[in-house]
Amino acid sequence: MSKRYWNQYQKEIADDRYFYERSCIRQSFFPGSEAAFLKILREELGKDIHDDVNQHTCTGIGYHSDVVPFETTMTVVARLFSLMTQAGYENYVPSCVTSFGVFTEIVETWKEQPALLEKTRKLLKETTGREFDIPKN
């Protein structure tokens, strides 16, 4: 009997209540693309997507350029996740493929190295007073 490898990659994908993270560079290349995306989700598809005014860059470009250390990037991402947590959302939607890659790498690192997750939680709490949940999706 042949094994079906694709089945191990299947997962549930949230269908509503998203926390949106804007791209630091997308608007430069594709003006209006984020506004169009949000409009489609909200007005055409009737989805709840939160666009927080206090968000910031993920530092992905700096991290991949060896300018921003991984520990700093983890803490910056934790702050973004804390905005999601504070707003009452658990489904994170990045607008940028670099952010998606950084978030995926960090969440997987935290799964494999729980001590780094706890260190990040401590650093975020000490520097900002904030706490966070890891996104469900």
N, C-alpha and C. Protein backbone atom coordinates (compact mmCIF):
# COMPACT_ATOMS: atom_id res chain seq x y z
N MET A 1 0.84 -1.18 0.00
CA MET A 1 0.00 0.00 0.00
C MET A 1 0.89 1.24 0.00
N SER A 2 0.58 2.18 -0.86
CA SER A 2 1.39 3.39 -0.94
C SER A 2 0.97 4.39 0.13
N LYS A 3 1.94 5.09 0.65
CA LYS A 3 1.67 6.10 1.68
C LYS A 3 1.31 7.42 1.02
N ARG A 4 0.33 8.11 1.56
CA ARG A 4 -0.10 9.41 1.04
C ARG A 4 0.52 10.52 1.89
N TYR A 5 1.63 11.03 1.42
CA TYR A 5 2.37 12.02 2.17
C TYR A 5 1.64 13.36 2.27
N TRP A 6 0.84 13.70 1.27
CA TRP A 6 0.17 15.00 1.27
C TRP A 6 -0.75 15.16 2.47
N ASN A 7 -1.34 14.08 2.94
CA ASN A 7 -2.29 14.14 4.06
C ASN A 7 -1.67 14.73 5.33
N GLN A 8 -0.39 14.53 5.54
CA GLN A 8 0.25 15.06 6.76
C GLN A 8 0.40 16.58 6.71
N TYR A 9 0.20 17.17 5.55
CA TYR A 9 0.32 18.62 5.41
C TYR A 9 -1.03 19.34 5.41
N GLN A 10 -2.10 18.61 5.50
CA GLN A 10 -3.43 19.22 5.52
C GLN A 10 -3.66 19.88 6.87
N LYS A 11 -4.33 21.04 6.85
CA LYS A 11 -4.61 21.74 8.10
C LYS A 11 -5.87 22.58 7.93
N GLU A 12 -6.42 22.95 9.06
CA GLU A 12 -7.58 23.83 9.07
C GLU A 12 -7.10 25.26 8.84
N ILE A 13 -7.82 25.99 8.02
CA ILE A 13 -7.49 27.38 7.76
C ILE A 13 -8.67 28.23 8.22
N ALA A 14 -8.38 29.23 9.02
CA ALA A 14 -9.43 30.10 9.55
C ALA A 14 -10.20 30.76 8.41
N ASP A 15 -11.51 30.90 8.58
CA ASP A 15 -12.30 31.52 7.52
C ASP A 15 -12.84 32.90 7.89
N ASP A 16 -12.42 33.43 9.04
CA ASP A 16 -12.86 34.77 9.44
C ASP A 16 -12.07 35.23 10.66
N ARG A 17 -12.25 36.51 11.01
CA ARG A 17 -11.63 37.13 12.19
C ARG A 17 -10.11 37.11 12.08
N TYR A 18 -9.61 37.94 11.18
CA TYR A 18 -8.18 38.02 10.91
C TYR A 18 -7.57 39.29 11.49
N PHE A 19 -6.33 39.18 11.93
CA PHE A 19 -5.53 40.34 12.32
C PHE A 19 -4.56 40.57 11.17
N TYR A 20 -4.63 41.75 10.57
CA TYR A 20 -3.86 42.08 9.37
C TYR A 20 -2.58 42.82 9.73
N GLU A 21 -1.48 42.41 9.11
CA GLU A 21 -0.20 43.10 9.31
C GLU A 21 0.25 43.62 7.95
N ARG A 22 0.40 44.93 7.87
CA ARG A 22 0.79 45.58 6.62
C ARG A 22 2.27 45.32 6.28
N SER A 23 2.58 45.49 5.02
CA SER A 23 3.94 45.33 4.53
C SER A 23 4.67 46.66 4.56
N CYS A 24 5.95 46.63 4.85
CA CYS A 24 6.73 47.87 4.83
C CYS A 24 7.12 48.27 3.41
N ILE A 25 6.99 47.35 2.45
CA ILE A 25 7.46 47.64 1.10
C ILE A 25 6.39 47.44 0.02
N ARG A 26 5.38 46.65 0.30
CA ARG A 26 4.36 46.31 -0.71
C ARG A 26 3.72 47.55 -1.33
N GLN A 27 3.36 48.54 -0.50
CA GLN A 27 2.70 49.73 -1.02
C GLN A 27 3.61 50.51 -1.97
N SER A 28 4.92 50.39 -1.79
CA SER A 28 5.85 51.09 -2.68
C SER A 28 5.80 50.51 -4.10
N PHE A 29 5.67 49.20 -4.18
CA PHE A 29 5.65 48.54 -5.49
C PHE A 29 4.25 48.47 -6.08
N PHE A 30 3.24 48.30 -5.22
CA PHE A 30 1.86 48.13 -5.68
C PHE A 30 0.94 49.06 -4.90
N PRO A 31 0.97 50.36 -5.20
CA PRO A 31 0.12 51.31 -4.46
C PRO A 31 -1.36 50.89 -4.49
N GLY A 32 -1.96 50.94 -3.35
CA GLY A 32 -3.38 50.61 -3.24
C GLY A 32 -3.68 49.14 -3.10
N SER A 33 -2.67 48.28 -3.19
CA SER A 33 -2.92 46.84 -3.13
C SER A 33 -3.47 46.39 -1.78
N GLU A 34 -2.96 46.98 -0.70
CA GLU A 34 -3.45 46.59 0.62
C GLU A 34 -4.87 47.11 0.84
N ALA A 35 -5.15 48.32 0.40
CA ALA A 35 -6.51 48.87 0.53
C ALA A 35 -7.48 48.02 -0.27
N ALA A 36 -7.08 47.58 -1.46
CA ALA A 36 -7.95 46.73 -2.28
C ALA A 36 -8.19 45.38 -1.60
N PHE A 37 -7.13 44.80 -1.04
CA PHE A 37 -7.24 43.52 -0.34
C PHE A 37 -8.23 43.62 0.83
N LEU A 38 -8.06 44.67 1.64
CA LEU A 38 -8.95 44.87 2.79
C LEU A 38 -10.39 45.11 2.34
N LYS A 39 -10.57 45.88 1.30
CA LYS A 39 -11.92 46.16 0.78
C LYS A 39 -12.59 44.88 0.29
N ILE A 40 -11.86 44.06 -0.42
CA ILE A 40 -12.42 42.80 -0.92
C ILE A 40 -12.83 41.91 0.25
N LEU A 41 -11.93 41.77 1.23
CA LEU A 41 -12.25 40.91 2.37
C LEU A 41 -13.47 41.42 3.14
N ARG A 42 -13.50 42.72 3.38
CA ARG A 42 -14.58 43.29 4.19
C ARG A 42 -15.90 43.41 3.41
N GLU A 43 -15.83 44.07 2.26
CA GLU A 43 -17.05 44.44 1.56
C GLU A 43 -17.59 43.35 0.63
N GLU A 44 -16.71 42.62 -0.01
CA GLU A 44 -17.16 41.58 -0.95
C GLU A 44 -17.36 40.23 -0.26
N LEU A 45 -16.48 39.91 0.66
CA LEU A 45 -16.54 38.60 1.32
C LEU A 45 -17.14 38.65 2.71
N GLY A 46 -17.35 39.85 3.25
CA GLY A 46 -17.97 39.99 4.56
C GLY A 46 -17.14 39.47 5.71
N LYS A 47 -15.83 39.57 5.60
CA LYS A 47 -14.93 39.04 6.64
C LYS A 47 -14.55 40.14 7.62
N ASP A 48 -14.27 39.71 8.85
CA ASP A 48 -13.80 40.60 9.92
C ASP A 48 -12.28 40.56 9.89
N ILE A 49 -11.67 41.68 9.49
CA ILE A 49 -10.21 41.77 9.45
C ILE A 49 -9.81 43.07 10.14
N HIS A 50 -8.94 42.94 11.14
CA HIS A 50 -8.52 44.09 11.95
C HIS A 50 -7.20 44.64 11.43
N ASP A 51 -7.17 45.94 11.16
CA ASP A 51 -5.99 46.64 10.66
C ASP A 51 -5.57 47.62 11.76
N ASP A 52 -4.63 47.21 12.60
CA ASP A 52 -4.25 47.97 13.79
C ASP A 52 -3.35 49.16 13.45
N VAL A 53 -3.68 50.32 13.99
CA VAL A 53 -2.91 51.54 13.72
C VAL A 53 -1.54 51.53 14.42
N ASN A 54 -1.33 50.65 15.38
CA ASN A 54 -0.08 50.62 16.14
C ASN A 54 0.93 49.60 15.63
N GLN A 55 0.66 49.01 14.49
CA GLN A 55 1.59 48.00 13.98
C GLN A 55 2.86 48.63 13.41
N HIS A 56 3.83 47.81 13.12
CA HIS A 56 5.14 48.24 12.63
C HIS A 56 5.74 47.14 11.78
N THR A 57 6.89 47.39 11.23
CA THR A 57 7.56 46.40 10.39
C THR A 57 7.97 45.16 11.20
N CYS A 58 8.16 44.05 10.50
CA CYS A 58 8.57 42.80 11.17
C CYS A 58 10.08 42.70 11.30
N THR A 59 10.82 43.59 10.70
CA THR A 59 12.29 43.62 10.63
C THR A 59 12.86 42.54 9.71
N GLY A 60 12.01 41.91 8.91
CA GLY A 60 12.45 40.81 8.05
C GLY A 60 13.60 41.15 7.13
N ILE A 61 13.53 42.30 6.47
CA ILE A 61 14.60 42.69 5.56
C ILE A 61 15.90 42.90 6.34
N GLY A 62 15.82 43.55 7.50
CA GLY A 62 17.00 43.74 8.34
C GLY A 62 17.55 42.42 8.87
N TYR A 63 16.67 41.52 9.24
CA TYR A 63 17.08 40.20 9.73
C TYR A 63 17.80 39.42 8.64
N HIS A 64 17.20 39.38 7.45
CA HIS A 64 17.80 38.61 6.35
C HIS A 64 19.06 39.27 5.79
N SER A 65 19.26 40.53 6.12
CA SER A 65 20.49 41.24 5.71
C SER A 65 21.56 41.21 6.80
N ASP A 66 21.30 40.47 7.87
CA ASP A 66 22.22 40.37 9.01
C ASP A 66 22.47 41.70 9.70
N VAL A 67 21.45 42.59 9.68
CA VAL A 67 21.54 43.86 10.38
C VAL A 67 20.82 43.77 11.73
N VAL A 68 19.71 43.04 11.76
CA VAL A 68 18.90 42.88 12.98
C VAL A 68 19.08 41.45 13.48
N PRO A 69 19.54 41.27 14.72
CA PRO A 69 19.73 39.92 15.26
C PRO A 69 18.41 39.16 15.40
N PHE A 70 18.49 37.84 15.34
CA PHE A 70 17.30 36.99 15.43
C PHE A 70 16.55 37.22 16.74
N GLU A 71 17.26 37.38 17.84
CA GLU A 71 16.62 37.62 19.14
C GLU A 71 15.78 38.91 19.11
N THR A 72 16.28 39.94 18.46
CA THR A 72 15.54 41.19 18.33
C THR A 72 14.32 40.98 17.44
N THR A 73 14.50 40.28 16.34
CA THR A 73 13.38 40.01 15.44
C THR A 73 12.29 39.21 16.15
N MET A 74 12.68 38.24 16.97
CA MET A 74 11.68 37.48 17.72
C MET A 74 10.88 38.39 18.64
N THR A 75 11.54 39.34 19.28
CA THR A 75 10.86 40.25 20.19
C THR A 75 9.95 41.21 19.44
N VAL A 76 10.40 41.68 18.28
CA VAL A 76 9.57 42.56 17.45
C VAL A 76 8.32 41.81 16.98
N VAL A 77 8.48 40.58 16.53
CA VAL A 77 7.35 39.77 16.11
C VAL A 77 6.41 39.50 17.29
N ALA A 78 6.98 39.26 18.45
CA ALA A 78 6.16 39.06 19.65
C ALA A 78 5.31 40.30 19.93
N ARG A 79 5.86 41.50 19.71
CA ARG A 79 5.05 42.71 19.90
C ARG A 79 3.90 42.76 18.90
N LEU A 80 4.17 42.40 17.66
CA LEU A 80 3.09 42.34 16.67
C LEU A 80 2.01 41.35 17.11
N PHE A 81 2.44 40.19 17.60
CA PHE A 81 1.49 39.20 18.10
C PHE A 81 0.73 39.73 19.32
N SER A 82 1.39 40.57 20.12
CA SER A 82 0.71 41.13 21.29
C SER A 82 -0.41 42.09 20.87
N LEU A 83 -0.23 42.80 19.76
CA LEU A 83 -1.31 43.65 19.24
C LEU A 83 -2.50 42.81 18.83
N MET A 84 -2.22 41.67 18.19
CA MET A 84 -3.27 40.73 17.81
C MET A 84 -4.00 40.22 19.05
N THR A 85 -3.24 39.82 20.05
CA THR A 85 -3.81 39.30 21.29
C THR A 85 -4.66 40.36 21.98
N GLN A 86 -4.13 41.58 22.06
CA GLN A 86 -4.85 42.68 22.70
C GLN A 86 -6.17 42.98 21.97
N ALA A 87 -6.17 42.86 20.67
CA ALA A 87 -7.38 43.15 19.88
C ALA A 87 -8.38 41.99 19.91
N GLY A 88 -7.98 40.84 20.47
CA GLY A 88 -8.89 39.71 20.60
C GLY A 88 -8.95 38.82 19.37
N TYR A 89 -7.90 38.82 18.58
CA TYR A 89 -7.84 37.98 17.39
C TYR A 89 -6.83 36.87 17.59
N GLU A 90 -6.94 35.80 16.78
CA GLU A 90 -5.98 34.70 16.88
C GLU A 90 -5.53 34.20 15.51
N ASN A 91 -6.02 34.84 14.45
CA ASN A 91 -5.65 34.45 13.08
C ASN A 91 -4.87 35.59 12.44
N TYR A 92 -3.60 35.37 12.19
CA TYR A 92 -2.67 36.41 11.74
C TYR A 92 -2.52 36.36 10.22
N VAL A 93 -2.69 37.51 9.57
CA VAL A 93 -2.56 37.58 8.11
C VAL A 93 -1.50 38.63 7.75
N PRO A 94 -0.30 38.19 7.39
CA PRO A 94 0.70 39.15 6.94
C PRO A 94 0.48 39.51 5.47
N SER A 95 0.78 40.74 5.13
CA SER A 95 0.62 41.23 3.76
C SER A 95 1.86 40.94 2.92
N CYS A 96 2.89 40.44 3.52
CA CYS A 96 4.20 40.37 2.88
C CYS A 96 4.76 38.95 2.98
N VAL A 97 5.35 38.48 1.91
CA VAL A 97 5.94 37.15 1.92
C VAL A 97 7.14 37.08 2.87
N THR A 98 7.88 38.18 3.01
CA THR A 98 9.00 38.19 3.96
C THR A 98 8.48 38.04 5.39
N SER A 99 7.42 38.79 5.72
CA SER A 99 6.82 38.65 7.05
C SER A 99 6.33 37.23 7.26
N PHE A 100 5.65 36.67 6.27
CA PHE A 100 5.16 35.29 6.39
C PHE A 100 6.31 34.34 6.71
N GLY A 101 7.42 34.49 5.99
CA GLY A 101 8.57 33.63 6.23
C GLY A 101 9.17 33.82 7.61
N VAL A 102 9.30 35.08 8.03
CA VAL A 102 9.86 35.38 9.35
C VAL A 102 8.96 34.81 10.45
N PHE A 103 7.65 35.05 10.34
CA PHE A 103 6.72 34.56 11.36
C PHE A 103 6.74 33.04 11.43
N THR A 104 6.75 32.40 10.27
CA THR A 104 6.78 30.93 10.22
C THR A 104 8.05 30.40 10.86
N GLU A 105 9.18 31.01 10.53
CA GLU A 105 10.47 30.58 11.11
C GLU A 105 10.46 30.76 12.63
N ILE A 106 9.96 31.87 13.09
CA ILE A 106 9.97 32.14 14.53
C ILE A 106 9.04 31.21 15.28
N VAL A 107 7.83 31.01 14.78
CA VAL A 107 6.88 30.12 15.46
C VAL A 107 7.44 28.69 15.50
N GLU A 108 8.04 28.24 14.40
CA GLU A 108 8.64 26.90 14.39
C GLU A 108 9.83 26.82 15.35
N THR A 109 10.62 27.88 15.43
CA THR A 109 11.74 27.92 16.38
C THR A 109 11.22 27.81 17.80
N TRP A 110 10.15 28.54 18.11
CA TRP A 110 9.58 28.49 19.45
C TRP A 110 9.04 27.10 19.78
N LYS A 111 8.49 26.41 18.79
CA LYS A 111 7.99 25.04 19.03
C LYS A 111 9.15 24.10 19.35
N GLU A 112 10.25 24.27 18.61
CA GLU A 112 11.41 23.40 18.79
C GLU A 112 12.26 23.78 19.98
N GLN A 113 12.23 25.08 20.36
CA GLN A 113 13.07 25.56 21.46
C GLN A 113 12.22 26.42 22.41
N PRO A 114 11.43 25.78 23.26
CA PRO A 114 10.54 26.53 24.15
C PRO A 114 11.27 27.53 25.05
N ALA A 115 12.54 27.29 25.32
CA ALA A 115 13.30 28.24 26.15
C ALA A 115 13.43 29.59 25.43
N LEU A 116 13.54 29.58 24.11
CA LEU A 116 13.59 30.83 23.36
C LEU A 116 12.25 31.56 23.40
N LEU A 117 11.17 30.81 23.38
CA LEU A 117 9.84 31.42 23.51
C LEU A 117 9.72 32.11 24.86
N GLU A 118 10.14 31.45 25.91
CA GLU A 118 10.05 32.05 27.23
C GLU A 118 10.98 33.26 27.36
N LYS A 119 12.15 33.18 26.76
CA LYS A 119 13.06 34.33 26.77
C LYS A 119 12.44 35.51 26.03
N THR A 120 11.79 35.24 24.91
CA THR A 120 11.14 36.30 24.13
C THR A 120 9.99 36.90 24.94
N ARG A 121 9.19 36.06 25.59
CA ARG A 121 8.09 36.56 26.42
C ARG A 121 8.64 37.49 27.51
N LYS A 122 9.75 37.08 28.13
CA LYS A 122 10.36 37.88 29.19
C LYS A 122 10.87 39.21 28.65
N LEU A 123 11.57 39.18 27.51
CA LEU A 123 12.10 40.41 26.92
C LEU A 123 10.97 41.37 26.55
N LEU A 124 9.92 40.85 25.95
CA LEU A 124 8.80 41.71 25.57
C LEU A 124 8.15 42.32 26.80
N LYS A 125 7.95 41.54 27.82
CA LYS A 125 7.32 42.03 29.05
C LYS A 125 8.19 43.10 29.71
N GLU A 126 9.49 42.84 29.78
CA GLU A 126 10.40 43.80 30.41
C GLU A 126 10.50 45.12 29.64
N THR A 127 10.47 45.04 28.31
CA THR A 127 10.69 46.24 27.50
C THR A 127 9.41 47.01 27.18
N THR A 128 8.28 46.31 27.15
CA THR A 128 7.03 46.98 26.73
C THR A 128 5.87 46.77 27.70
N GLY A 129 6.01 45.81 28.61
CA GLY A 129 4.90 45.48 29.50
C GLY A 129 3.82 44.65 28.82
N ARG A 130 4.09 44.19 27.61
CA ARG A 130 3.08 43.48 26.82
C ARG A 130 3.24 41.97 26.92
N GLU A 131 2.13 41.25 26.63
CA GLU A 131 2.11 39.80 26.57
C GLU A 131 1.47 39.39 25.25
N PHE A 132 1.69 38.16 24.83
CA PHE A 132 1.14 37.71 23.56
C PHE A 132 0.80 36.24 23.55
N ASP A 133 -0.10 35.91 22.63
CA ASP A 133 -0.41 34.52 22.29
C ASP A 133 0.15 34.25 20.91
N ILE A 134 0.56 33.03 20.67
CA ILE A 134 0.98 32.65 19.33
C ILE A 134 -0.29 32.49 18.48
N PRO A 135 -0.28 33.00 17.26
CA PRO A 135 -1.49 32.88 16.43
C PRO A 135 -1.93 31.44 16.25
N LYS A 136 -3.23 31.24 16.22
CA LYS A 136 -3.77 29.91 15.95
C LYS A 136 -3.54 29.55 14.49
N ASN A 137 -3.72 30.55 13.63
CA ASN A 137 -3.50 30.37 12.18
C ASN A 137 -2.61 31.49 11.69
